[in-house]
Protein backbone atom coordinates (compact mmCIF):
# COMPACT_ATOMS: atom_id res chain seq x y z
CA MET A 1 0.16 0.16 0.14
CA ARG A 2 0.91 3.44 -0.57
CA GLN A 3 1.90 6.00 1.90
CA LEU A 4 -0.53 8.92 1.54
CA ILE A 5 1.06 12.11 1.51
CA ILE A 6 -1.06 15.23 1.40
CA LYS A 7 1.36 18.93 0.55
CA PRO A 8 0.32 22.01 2.81
CA ASP A 9 -1.43 23.92 -0.21
CA ALA A 10 -3.67 20.79 -0.96
CA GLU A 11 -4.23 20.12 2.82
CA GLN A 12 -5.43 23.79 3.46
CA ASN A 13 -7.97 23.84 0.53
CA ILE A 14 -10.02 20.75 1.76
CA TYR A 15 -9.91 22.28 5.06
CA ALA A 16 -11.03 25.62 3.97
CA VAL A 17 -13.94 23.80 2.07
CA ALA A 18 -14.51 21.93 5.28
CA GLU A 19 -15.26 24.86 7.10
CA TRP A 20 -17.33 26.66 4.43
CA LEU A 21 -19.84 23.51 4.92
CA ALA A 22 -19.67 23.18 8.89
CA GLN A 23 -20.60 26.94 8.41
CA GLU A 24 -22.93 26.79 5.73
CA TYR A 25 -25.02 23.46 7.01
CA PHE A 26 -24.03 21.91 10.17
CA PRO A 27 -20.60 21.88 12.12
CA ASP A 28 -20.27 17.81 11.08
CA THR A 29 -20.92 18.21 7.79
CA GLY A 30 -17.27 19.76 7.43
CA LEU A 31 -15.75 16.86 9.03
CA LYS A 32 -17.60 14.07 6.96
CA PHE A 33 -15.68 16.26 3.97
CA ILE A 34 -12.60 15.90 5.49
CA GLU A 35 -12.96 11.84 6.18
CA SER A 36 -15.03 11.11 2.76
CA VAL A 37 -11.65 13.05 0.90
CA GLU A 38 -9.55 10.86 2.51
CA GLU A 39 -11.00 7.76 2.06
CA TYR A 40 -11.69 8.56 -1.71
CA LEU A 41 -7.36 8.92 -2.05
CA LEU A 42 -6.60 5.50 0.13
CA THR A 43 -8.75 4.00 -2.33
CA TYR A 44 -6.10 4.93 -4.83
CA CYS A 45 -3.37 4.34 -2.49
CA VAL A 46 -4.19 0.55 -1.83
CA LEU A 47 -4.30 -0.14 -6.38
CA THR A 48 -1.06 -2.01 -7.53
CA ASN A 49 -1.06 -0.61 -10.72
CA LEU A 50 -1.57 2.70 -11.04
CA GLU A 51 -1.27 3.99 -14.80
CA PHE A 52 -2.98 8.17 -14.67
CA PRO A 53 -2.21 9.89 -17.91
CA LEU A 54 -0.76 13.85 -16.62
CA CYS A 55 -3.75 16.53 -16.01
CA LYS A 56 -5.70 18.18 -19.16
CA ASN A 57 -4.68 20.95 -17.85
CA LYS A 58 -1.87 22.54 -19.42
CA LEU A 59 0.02 23.96 -15.87
CA LEU A 60 -0.55 21.15 -13.81
CA ALA A 61 0.55 18.76 -16.77
CA GLY A 62 3.87 21.42 -16.79
CA LYS A 63 4.27 20.44 -13.43
CA LYS A 64 4.05 16.29 -14.39
CA LEU A 65 1.15 16.30 -12.24
CA SER A 66 -2.10 13.33 -12.63
CA CYS A 67 -5.40 14.52 -11.95
CA LEU A 68 -8.43 12.64 -10.50
CA ILE A 69 -11.47 13.74 -9.98
CA TYR A 70 -13.83 13.84 -6.91
CA LYS A 71 -17.61 14.12 -6.78
CA ARG A 72 -17.70 15.88 -9.93
CA LYS A 73 -16.44 19.14 -8.82
CA TRP A 74 -13.51 18.89 -7.21
CA VAL A 75 -9.61 18.17 -9.14
CA ILE A 76 -7.15 16.28 -7.42
CA ALA A 77 -3.66 17.06 -8.27
CA PHE A 78 -0.73 14.48 -7.23
CA LYS A 79 2.03 12.63 -8.47
CA TYR A 80 2.63 9.01 -8.02
CA THR A 81 5.41 6.15 -7.31
CA GLU A 82 6.00 2.86 -6.08
CA ASN A 83 5.33 3.63 -2.39
CA THR A 84 3.77 7.19 -2.02
CA LEU A 85 0.88 9.28 -3.36
CA THR A 86 1.13 12.75 -3.12
CA VAL A 87 -1.43 15.21 -3.16
CA TYR A 88 -0.19 18.37 -4.61
CA GLN A 89 -3.71 20.64 -5.30
CA PHE A 90 -6.72 20.80 -4.24
CA ILE A 91 -9.25 22.93 -7.12
CA TRP A 92 -12.76 23.97 -7.62
CA GLY A 93 -12.88 21.99 -11.07
CA GLY A 94 -14.69 25.99 -12.44
CA LYS A 95 -11.04 28.01 -11.50
CA LEU A 96 -9.46 25.56 -14.60
CA LYS A 97 -9.39 26.01 -17.77
C-alpha cells in the first residue's frame, strides 16, 4: 500500500472547504467532507498498478501532475510512485480552464 502524503496547499484547501461546509450546513458536515476525501484518496493508495495520464490542464501537466476528479466538482492534482501518492493541489473544477 502506498503512503498518502497531502502537501500543505492541498490540505489548506480541503480544510477551507470543510470549514465553509460546517458554517453553511452543520458542524459535522465539514468533518465528514474531510473524512470522505481521505477515504477516496486511500482507495487509490491500495491499488497496485496505478497508471494515470497527466492532467489536461496545461499548467498542472507542466508540473507533471496527474488528476483525479472528486464528486464531479473537485480536481485533485497528484504525483505517484511505487511507494507514495502525493497530493499537491485540491482545486474547484470550475477554476480550471
